[in-house]
Amino acid sequence: MSRYNPLPRILCFDDFESPCLTGTIYLYPDDVDALWEALKNHAEVIQALQNTYYGLREFAVKDCNGYILSFGQGGLDPLP
């Protein structure tokens, strides 16, 4: 029986000098809280898990290649 592993498979390149993209990569997992628990101690945290005024629960990390990955889950009521 296999268990779901929320950690993404990320390739790191030894000869990689810097990111080729200026911006943030947005990903929308089914369970952002579980992913946060799995990643928070294994990546450079750019933004801790939080509820946003626009109704998203999200966090952001920097991956081993220098890219900023933002993970969010909707369904919250936007703040007034």
PDB file of N, CA and C in Angstrom:
ATOM      1  N   MET A   1       0.844  -1.170   0.000  1.00  0.00           N
ATOM      2  CA  MET A   1       0.000   0.000   0.000  1.00  0.00           C
ATOM      3  C   MET A   1       0.895   1.241   0.000  1.00  0.00           C
ATOM      4  N   SER A   2       0.649   2.149  -0.907  1.00  0.00           N
ATOM      5  CA  SER A   2       1.446   3.372  -0.957  1.00  0.00           C
ATOM      6  C   SER A   2       0.702   4.503  -0.251  1.00  0.00           C
ATOM      7  N   ARG A   3       1.475   5.371   0.371  1.00  0.00           N
ATOM      8  CA  ARG A   3       0.902   6.548   1.024  1.00  0.00           C
ATOM      9  C   ARG A   3       1.148   7.764   0.159  1.00  0.00           C
ATOM     10  N   TYR A   4       0.210   8.693   0.181  1.00  0.00           N
ATOM     11  CA  TYR A   4       0.380   9.947  -0.548  1.00  0.00           C
ATOM     12  C   TYR A   4       1.487  10.746   0.111  1.00  0.00           C
ATOM     13  N   ASN A   5       2.426  11.190  -0.676  1.00  0.00           N
ATOM     14  CA  ASN A   5       3.507  12.029  -0.186  1.00  0.00           C
ATOM     15  C   ASN A   5       3.322  13.425  -0.761  1.00  0.00           C
ATOM     16  N   PRO A   6       2.999  14.424   0.074  1.00  0.00           N
ATOM     17  CA  PRO A   6       2.729  15.771  -0.446  1.00  0.00           C
ATOM     18  C   PRO A   6       3.966  16.529  -0.897  1.00  0.00           C
ATOM     19  N   LEU A   7       5.160  16.020  -0.610  1.00  0.00           N
ATOM     20  CA  LEU A   7       6.366  16.724  -1.035  1.00  0.00           C
ATOM     21  C   LEU A   7       6.545  16.606  -2.541  1.00  0.00           C
ATOM     22  N   PRO A   8       6.642  17.734  -3.229  1.00  0.00           N
ATOM     23  CA  PRO A   8       6.856  17.663  -4.674  1.00  0.00           C
ATOM     24  C   PRO A   8       8.253  17.149  -5.004  1.00  0.00           C
ATOM     25  N   ARG A   9       8.377  16.547  -6.142  1.00  0.00           N
ATOM     26  CA  ARG A   9       9.677  16.075  -6.610  1.00  0.00           C
ATOM     27  C   ARG A   9      10.333  17.236  -7.347  1.00  0.00           C
ATOM     28  N   ILE A  10      11.372  17.796  -6.761  1.00  0.00           N
ATOM     29  CA  ILE A  10      12.040  18.965  -7.332  1.00  0.00           C
ATOM     30  C   ILE A  10      13.450  18.574  -7.741  1.00  0.00           C
ATOM     31  N   LEU A  11      13.807  18.891  -8.968  1.00  0.00           N
ATOM     32  CA  LEU A  11      15.161  18.634  -9.449  1.00  0.00           C
ATOM     33  C   LEU A  11      16.033  19.844  -9.159  1.00  0.00           C
ATOM     34  N   CYS A  12      17.214  19.600  -8.654  1.00  0.00           N
ATOM     35  CA  CYS A  12      18.180  20.664  -8.437  1.00  0.00           C
ATOM     36  C   CYS A  12      19.364  20.420  -9.368  1.00  0.00           C
ATOM     37  N   PHE A  13      19.795  21.462 -10.029  1.00  0.00           N
ATOM     38  CA  PHE A  13      20.884  21.345 -10.983  1.00  0.00           C
ATOM     39  C   PHE A  13      22.135  21.984 -10.414  1.00  0.00           C
ATOM     40  N   ASP A  14      23.242  21.242 -10.411  1.00  0.00           N
ATOM     41  CA  ASP A  14      24.496  21.739  -9.868  1.00  0.00           C
ATOM     42  C   ASP A  14      25.042  22.936 -10.645  1.00  0.00           C
ATOM     43  N   ASP A  15      24.811  22.983 -11.954  1.00  0.00           N
ATOM     44  CA  ASP A  15      25.351  24.061 -12.773  1.00  0.00           C
ATOM     45  C   ASP A  15      24.348  25.191 -12.997  1.00  0.00           C
ATOM     46  N   PHE A  16      23.315  25.226 -12.222  1.00  0.00           N
ATOM     47  CA  PHE A  16      22.273  26.243 -12.335  1.00  0.00           C
ATOM     48  C   PHE A  16      22.762  27.522 -11.669  1.00  0.00           C
ATOM     49  N   GLU A  17      22.810  28.628 -12.416  1.00  0.00           N
ATOM     50  CA  GLU A  17      23.348  29.866 -11.865  1.00  0.00           C
ATOM     51  C   GLU A  17      22.303  30.744 -11.206  1.00  0.00           C
ATOM     52  N   SER A  18      21.161  30.924 -11.852  1.00  0.00           N
ATOM     53  CA  SER A  18      20.109  31.753 -11.284  1.00  0.00           C
ATOM     54  C   SER A  18      18.799  31.468 -12.000  1.00  0.00           C
ATOM     55  N   PRO A  19      17.676  31.848 -11.377  1.00  0.00           N
ATOM     56  CA  PRO A  19      16.384  31.616 -12.016  1.00  0.00           C
ATOM     57  C   PRO A  19      16.290  32.321 -13.372  1.00  0.00           C
ATOM     58  N   CYS A  20      15.547  31.719 -14.280  1.00  0.00           N
ATOM     59  CA  CYS A  20      15.344  32.288 -15.610  1.00  0.00           C
ATOM     60  C   CYS A  20      13.980  32.961 -15.712  1.00  0.00           C
ATOM     61  N   LEU A  21      13.263  33.015 -14.635  1.00  0.00           N
ATOM     62  CA  LEU A  21      11.914  33.579 -14.603  1.00  0.00           C
ATOM     63  C   LEU A  21      11.864  34.633 -13.522  1.00  0.00           C
ATOM     64  N   THR A  22      11.335  35.788 -13.850  1.00  0.00           N
ATOM     65  CA  THR A  22      11.105  36.789 -12.824  1.00  0.00           C
ATOM     66  C   THR A  22       9.624  36.754 -12.516  1.00  0.00           C
ATOM     67  N   GLY A  23       9.291  36.306 -11.365  1.00  0.00           N
ATOM     68  CA  GLY A  23       7.896  36.164 -10.982  1.00  0.00           C
ATOM     69  C   GLY A  23       7.742  35.031  -9.998  1.00  0.00           C
ATOM     70  N   THR A  24       6.516  34.702  -9.732  1.00  0.00           N
ATOM     71  CA  THR A  24       6.179  33.646  -8.792  1.00  0.00           C
ATOM     72  C   THR A  24       5.391  32.574  -9.512  1.00  0.00           C
ATOM     73  N   ILE A  25       5.655  31.332  -9.179  1.00  0.00           N
ATOM     74  CA  ILE A  25       4.907  30.209  -9.741  1.00  0.00           C
ATOM     75  C   ILE A  25       3.821  29.858  -8.727  1.00  0.00           C
ATOM     76  N   TYR A  26       2.562  29.896  -9.156  1.00  0.00           N
ATOM     77  CA  TYR A  26       1.430  29.633  -8.275  1.00  0.00           C
ATOM     78  C   TYR A  26       0.910  28.225  -8.490  1.00  0.00           C
ATOM     79  N   LEU A  27       0.746  27.499  -7.387  1.00  0.00           N
ATOM     80  CA  LEU A  27       0.242  26.125  -7.410  1.00  0.00           C
ATOM     81  C   LEU A  27      -0.925  26.025  -6.428  1.00  0.00           C
ATOM     82  N   TYR A  28      -1.902  25.190  -6.752  1.00  0.00           N
ATOM     83  CA  TYR A  28      -3.117  25.104  -5.950  1.00  0.00           C
ATOM     84  C   TYR A  28      -3.389  23.660  -5.529  1.00  0.00           C
ATOM     85  N   PRO A  29      -2.763  23.202  -4.420  1.00  0.00           N
ATOM     86  CA  PRO A  29      -2.973  21.836  -3.945  1.00  0.00           C
ATOM     87  C   PRO A  29      -4.363  21.685  -3.311  1.00  0.00           C
ATOM     88  N   ASP A  30      -4.779  20.441  -3.134  1.00  0.00           N
ATOM     89  CA  ASP A  30      -6.066  20.166  -2.501  1.00  0.00           C
ATOM     90  C   ASP A  30      -6.046  20.462  -1.004  1.00  0.00           C
ATOM     91  N   ASP A  31      -4.894  20.318  -0.359  1.00  0.00           N
ATOM     92  CA  ASP A  31      -4.783  20.521   1.088  1.00  0.00           C
ATOM     93  C   ASP A  31      -3.536  21.346   1.390  1.00  0.00           C
ATOM     94  N   VAL A  32      -3.693  22.653   1.366  1.00  0.00           N
ATOM     95  CA  VAL A  32      -2.552  23.559   1.560  1.00  0.00           C
ATOM     96  C   VAL A  32      -1.983  23.440   2.971  1.00  0.00           C
ATOM     97  N   ASP A  33      -2.822  23.130   3.949  1.00  0.00           N
ATOM     98  CA  ASP A  33      -2.331  22.986   5.326  1.00  0.00           C
ATOM     99  C   ASP A  33      -1.391  21.789   5.452  1.00  0.00           C
ATOM    100  N   ALA A  34      -1.747  20.659   4.861  1.00  0.00           N
ATOM    101  CA  ALA A  34      -0.892  19.467   4.906  1.00  0.00           C
ATOM    102  C   ALA A  34       0.424  19.717   4.172  1.00  0.00           C
ATOM    103  N   LEU A  35       0.355  20.411   3.041  1.00  0.00           N
ATOM    104  CA  LEU A  35       1.570  20.715   2.290  1.00  0.00           C
ATOM    105  C   LEU A  35       2.477  21.654   3.082  1.00  0.00           C
ATOM    106  N   TRP A  36       1.888  22.647   3.738  1.00  0.00           N
ATOM    107  CA  TRP A  36       2.662  23.556   4.584  1.00  0.00           C
ATOM    108  C   TRP A  36       3.402  22.775   5.668  1.00  0.00           C
ATOM    109  N   GLU A  37       2.712  21.866   6.334  1.00  0.00           N
ATOM    110  CA  GLU A  37       3.345  21.066   7.387  1.00  0.00           C
ATOM    111  C   GLU A  37       4.500  20.234   6.829  1.00  0.00           C
ATOM    112  N   ALA A  38       4.340  19.739   5.616  1.00  0.00           N
ATOM    113  CA  ALA A  38       5.376  18.905   5.004  1.00  0.00           C
ATOM    114  C   ALA A  38       6.580  19.716   4.528  1.00  0.00           C
ATOM    115  N   LEU A  39       6.379  20.969   4.118  1.00  0.00           N
ATOM    116  CA  LEU A  39       7.454  21.758   3.509  1.00  0.00           C
ATOM    117  C   LEU A  39       8.124  22.775   4.426  1.00  0.00           C
ATOM    118  N   LYS A  40       7.447  23.248   5.452  1.00  0.00           N
ATOM    119  CA  LYS A  40       7.931  24.416   6.200  1.00  0.00           C
ATOM    120  C   LYS A  40       9.321  24.253   6.805  1.00  0.00           C
ATOM    121  N   ASN A  41       9.722  23.050   7.110  1.00  0.00           N
ATOM    122  CA  ASN A  41      11.051  22.829   7.689  1.00  0.00           C
ATOM    123  C   ASN A  41      12.069  22.323   6.671  1.00  0.00           C
ATOM    124  N   HIS A  42      11.668  22.296   5.394  1.00  0.00           N
ATOM    125  CA  HIS A  42      12.551  21.748   4.359  1.00  0.00           C
ATOM    126  C   HIS A  42      12.800  22.729   3.215  1.00  0.00           C
ATOM    127  N   ALA A  43      12.337  23.947   3.341  1.00  0.00           N
ATOM    128  CA  ALA A  43      12.521  24.944   2.281  1.00  0.00           C
ATOM    129  C   ALA A  43      12.659  26.319   2.931  1.00  0.00           C
ATOM    130  N   GLU A  44      13.210  27.251   2.176  1.00  0.00           N
ATOM    131  CA  GLU A  44      13.298  28.630   2.653  1.00  0.00           C
ATOM    132  C   GLU A  44      11.916  29.267   2.543  1.00  0.00           C
ATOM    133  N   VAL A  45      11.327  29.595   3.676  1.00  0.00           N
ATOM    134  CA  VAL A  45       9.981  30.165   3.705  1.00  0.00           C
ATOM    135  C   VAL A  45      10.052  31.647   3.340  1.00  0.00           C
ATOM    136  N   ILE A  46       9.304  32.027   2.321  1.00  0.00           N
ATOM    137  CA  ILE A  46       9.203  33.429   1.907  1.00  0.00           C
ATOM    138  C   ILE A  46       8.006  34.083   2.588  1.00  0.00           C
ATOM    139  N   GLN A  47       6.911  33.340   2.693  1.00  0.00           N
ATOM    140  CA  GLN A  47       5.690  33.820   3.344  1.00  0.00           C
ATOM    141  C   GLN A  47       5.069  32.646   4.087  1.00  0.00           C
ATOM    142  N   ALA A  48       4.870  32.782   5.379  1.00  0.00           N
ATOM    143  CA  ALA A  48       4.269  31.709   6.173  1.00  0.00           C
ATOM    144  C   ALA A  48       2.790  31.544   5.791  1.00  0.00           C
ATOM    145  N   LEU A  49       2.237  30.404   6.132  1.00  0.00           N
ATOM    146  CA  LEU A  49       0.830  30.115   5.853  1.00  0.00           C
ATOM    147  C   LEU A  49      -0.049  31.176   6.497  1.00  0.00           C
ATOM    148  N   GLN A  50      -0.952  31.729   5.705  1.00  0.00           N
ATOM    149  CA  GLN A  50      -1.850  32.770   6.207  1.00  0.00           C
ATOM    150  C   GLN A  50      -3.128  32.816   5.390  1.00  0.00           C
ATOM    151  N   ASN A  51      -4.154  33.398   5.984  1.00  0.00           N
ATOM    152  CA  ASN A  51      -5.399  33.676   5.273  1.00  0.00           C
ATOM    153  C   ASN A  51      -5.291  35.081   4.703  1.00  0.00           C
ATOM    154  N   THR A  52      -5.636  35.234   3.433  1.00  0.00           N
ATOM    155  CA  THR A  52      -5.514  36.538   2.786  1.00  0.00           C
ATOM    156  C   THR A  52      -6.852  37.264   2.759  1.00  0.00           C
ATOM    157  N   TYR A  53      -6.803  38.556   2.535  1.00  0.00           N
ATOM    158  CA  TYR A  53      -8.020  39.353   2.452  1.00  0.00           C
ATOM    159  C   TYR A  53      -8.855  39.001   1.226  1.00  0.00           C
ATOM    160  N   TYR A  54      -8.254  38.362   0.221  1.00  0.00           N
ATOM    161  CA  TYR A  54      -8.970  38.020  -1.002  1.00  0.00           C
ATOM    162  C   TYR A  54      -9.487  36.581  -1.016  1.00  0.00           C
ATOM    163  N   GLY A  55      -9.508  35.924   0.162  1.00  0.00           N
ATOM    164  CA  GLY A  55     -10.162  34.634   0.281  1.00  0.00           C
ATOM    165  C   GLY A  55      -9.316  33.413  -0.021  1.00  0.00           C
ATOM    166  N   LEU A  56      -7.993  33.573   0.010  1.00  0.00           N
ATOM    167  CA  LEU A  56      -7.095  32.462  -0.266  1.00  0.00           C
ATOM    168  C   LEU A  56      -6.281  32.160   0.992  1.00  0.00           C
ATOM    169  N   ARG A  57      -6.029  30.898   1.243  1.00  0.00           N
ATOM    170  CA  ARG A  57      -5.107  30.477   2.301  1.00  0.00           C
ATOM    171  C   ARG A  57      -3.836  30.072   1.585  1.00  0.00           C
ATOM    172  N   GLU A  58      -2.712  30.729   1.884  1.00  0.00           N
ATOM    173  CA  GLU A  58      -1.528  30.516   1.064  1.00  0.00           C
ATOM    174  C   GLU A  58      -0.229  30.656   1.840  1.00  0.00           C
ATOM    175  N   PHE A  59       0.840  30.117   1.222  1.00  0.00           N
ATOM    176  CA  PHE A  59       2.199  30.311   1.700  1.00  0.00           C
ATOM    177  C   PHE A  59       3.124  30.276   0.495  1.00  0.00           C
ATOM    178  N   ALA A  60       4.372  30.736   0.691  1.00  0.00           N
ATOM    179  CA  ALA A  60       5.344  30.743  -0.401  1.00  0.00           C
ATOM    180  C   ALA A  60       6.702  30.301   0.127  1.00  0.00           C
ATOM    181  N   VAL A  61       7.417  29.562  -0.703  1.00  0.00           N
ATOM    182  CA  VAL A  61       8.771  29.109  -0.390  1.00  0.00           C
ATOM    183  C   VAL A  61       9.665  29.366  -1.593  1.00  0.00           C
ATOM    184  N   LYS A  62      10.970  29.380  -1.341  1.00  0.00           N
ATOM    185  CA  LYS A  62      11.940  29.457  -2.428  1.00  0.00           C
ATOM    186  C   LYS A  62      12.480  28.051  -2.637  1.00  0.00           C
ATOM    187  N   ASP A  63      12.468  27.567  -3.870  1.00  0.00           N
ATOM    188  CA  ASP A  63      12.970  26.217  -4.131  1.00  0.00           C
ATOM    189  C   ASP A  63      14.486  26.229  -4.268  1.00  0.00           C
ATOM    190  N   CYS A  64      15.064  25.056  -4.450  1.00  0.00           N
ATOM    191  CA  CYS A  64      16.518  24.916  -4.488  1.00  0.00           C
ATOM    192  C   CYS A  64      17.161  25.596  -5.691  1.00  0.00           C
ATOM    193  N   ASN A  65      16.363  25.974  -6.690  1.00  0.00           N
ATOM    194  CA  ASN A  65      16.881  26.673  -7.862  1.00  0.00           C
ATOM    195  C   ASN A  65      16.658  28.183  -7.786  1.00  0.00           C
ATOM    196  N   GLY A  66      16.063  28.656  -6.684  1.00  0.00           N
ATOM    197  CA  GLY A  66      15.853  30.082  -6.503  1.00  0.00           C
ATOM    198  C   GLY A  66      14.493  30.598  -6.933  1.00  0.00           C
ATOM    199  N   TYR A  67      13.623  29.725  -7.398  1.00  0.00           N
ATOM    200  CA  TYR A  67      12.282  30.139  -7.801  1.00  0.00           C
ATOM    201  C   TYR A  67      11.374  30.261  -6.588  1.00  0.00           C
ATOM    202  N   ILE A  68      10.458  31.219  -6.620  1.00  0.00           N
ATOM    203  CA  ILE A  68       9.467  31.363  -5.556  1.00  0.00           C
ATOM    204  C   ILE A  68       8.225  30.595  -5.971  1.00  0.00           C
ATOM    205  N   LEU A  69       7.822  29.650  -5.117  1.00  0.00           N
ATOM    206  CA  LEU A  69       6.639  28.839  -5.346  1.00  0.00           C
ATOM    207  C   LEU A  69       5.593  29.236  -4.317  1.00  0.00           C
ATOM    208  N   SER A  70       4.428  29.639  -4.784  1.00  0.00           N
ATOM    209  CA  SER A  70       3.343  30.028  -3.899  1.00  0.00           C
ATOM    210  C   SER A  70       2.252  28.974  -3.993  1.00  0.00           C
ATOM    211  N   PHE A  71       1.819  28.475  -2.837  1.00  0.00           N
ATOM    212  CA  PHE A  71       0.790  27.446  -2.778  1.00  0.00           C
ATOM    213  C   PHE A  71      -0.449  28.046  -2.134  1.00  0.00           C
ATOM    214  N   GLY A  72      -1.596  27.897  -2.762  1.00  0.00           N
ATOM    215  CA  GLY A  72      -2.809  28.486  -2.226  1.00  0.00           C
ATOM    216  C   GLY A  72      -4.017  27.588  -2.384  1.00  0.00           C
ATOM    217  N   GLN A  73      -4.974  27.796  -1.504  1.00  0.00           N
ATOM    218  CA  GLN A  73      -6.233  27.065  -1.543  1.00  0.00           C
ATOM    219  C   GLN A  73      -7.343  28.066  -1.294  1.00  0.00           C
ATOM    220  N   GLY A  74      -8.336  28.083  -2.180  1.00  0.00           N
ATOM    221  CA  GLY A  74      -9.438  29.020  -2.065  1.00  0.00           C
ATOM    222  C   GLY A  74     -10.544  28.500  -1.179  1.00  0.00           C
ATOM    223  N   GLY A  75     -11.645  29.223  -1.199  1.00  0.00           N
ATOM    224  CA  GLY A  75     -12.811  28.786  -0.453  1.00  0.00           C
ATOM    225  C   GLY A  75     -13.082  29.599   0.794  1.00  0.00           C
ATOM    226  N   LEU A  76     -12.178  30.514   1.147  1.00  0.00           N
ATOM    227  CA  LEU A  76     -12.418  31.363   2.299  1.00  0.00           C
ATOM    228  C   LEU A  76     -13.243  32.568   1.868  1.00  0.00           C
ATOM    229  N   ASP A  77     -14.007  33.111   2.779  1.00  0.00           N
ATOM    230  CA  ASP A  77     -14.723  34.351   2.475  1.00  0.00           C
ATOM    231  C   ASP A  77     -13.727  35.498   2.502  1.00  0.00           C
ATOM    232  N   PRO A  78     -13.734  36.346   1.463  1.00  0.00           N
ATOM    233  CA  PRO A  78     -12.840  37.520   1.482  1.00  0.00           C
ATOM    234  C   PRO A  78     -13.139  38.391   2.690  1.00  0.00           C
ATOM    235  N   LEU A  79     -12.102  38.985   3.251  1.00  0.00           N
ATOM    236  CA  LEU A  79     -12.294  39.874   4.384  1.00  0.00           C
ATOM    237  C   LEU A  79     -12.933  41.167   3.922  1.00  0.00           C
ATOM    238  N   PRO A  80     -13.752  41.770   4.771  1.00  0.00           N
ATOM    239  CA  PRO A  80     -14.415  43.043   4.376  1.00  0.00           C
ATOM    240  C   PRO A  80     -13.436  44.192   4.261  1.00  0.00           C
TER     241      PRO A  80
END
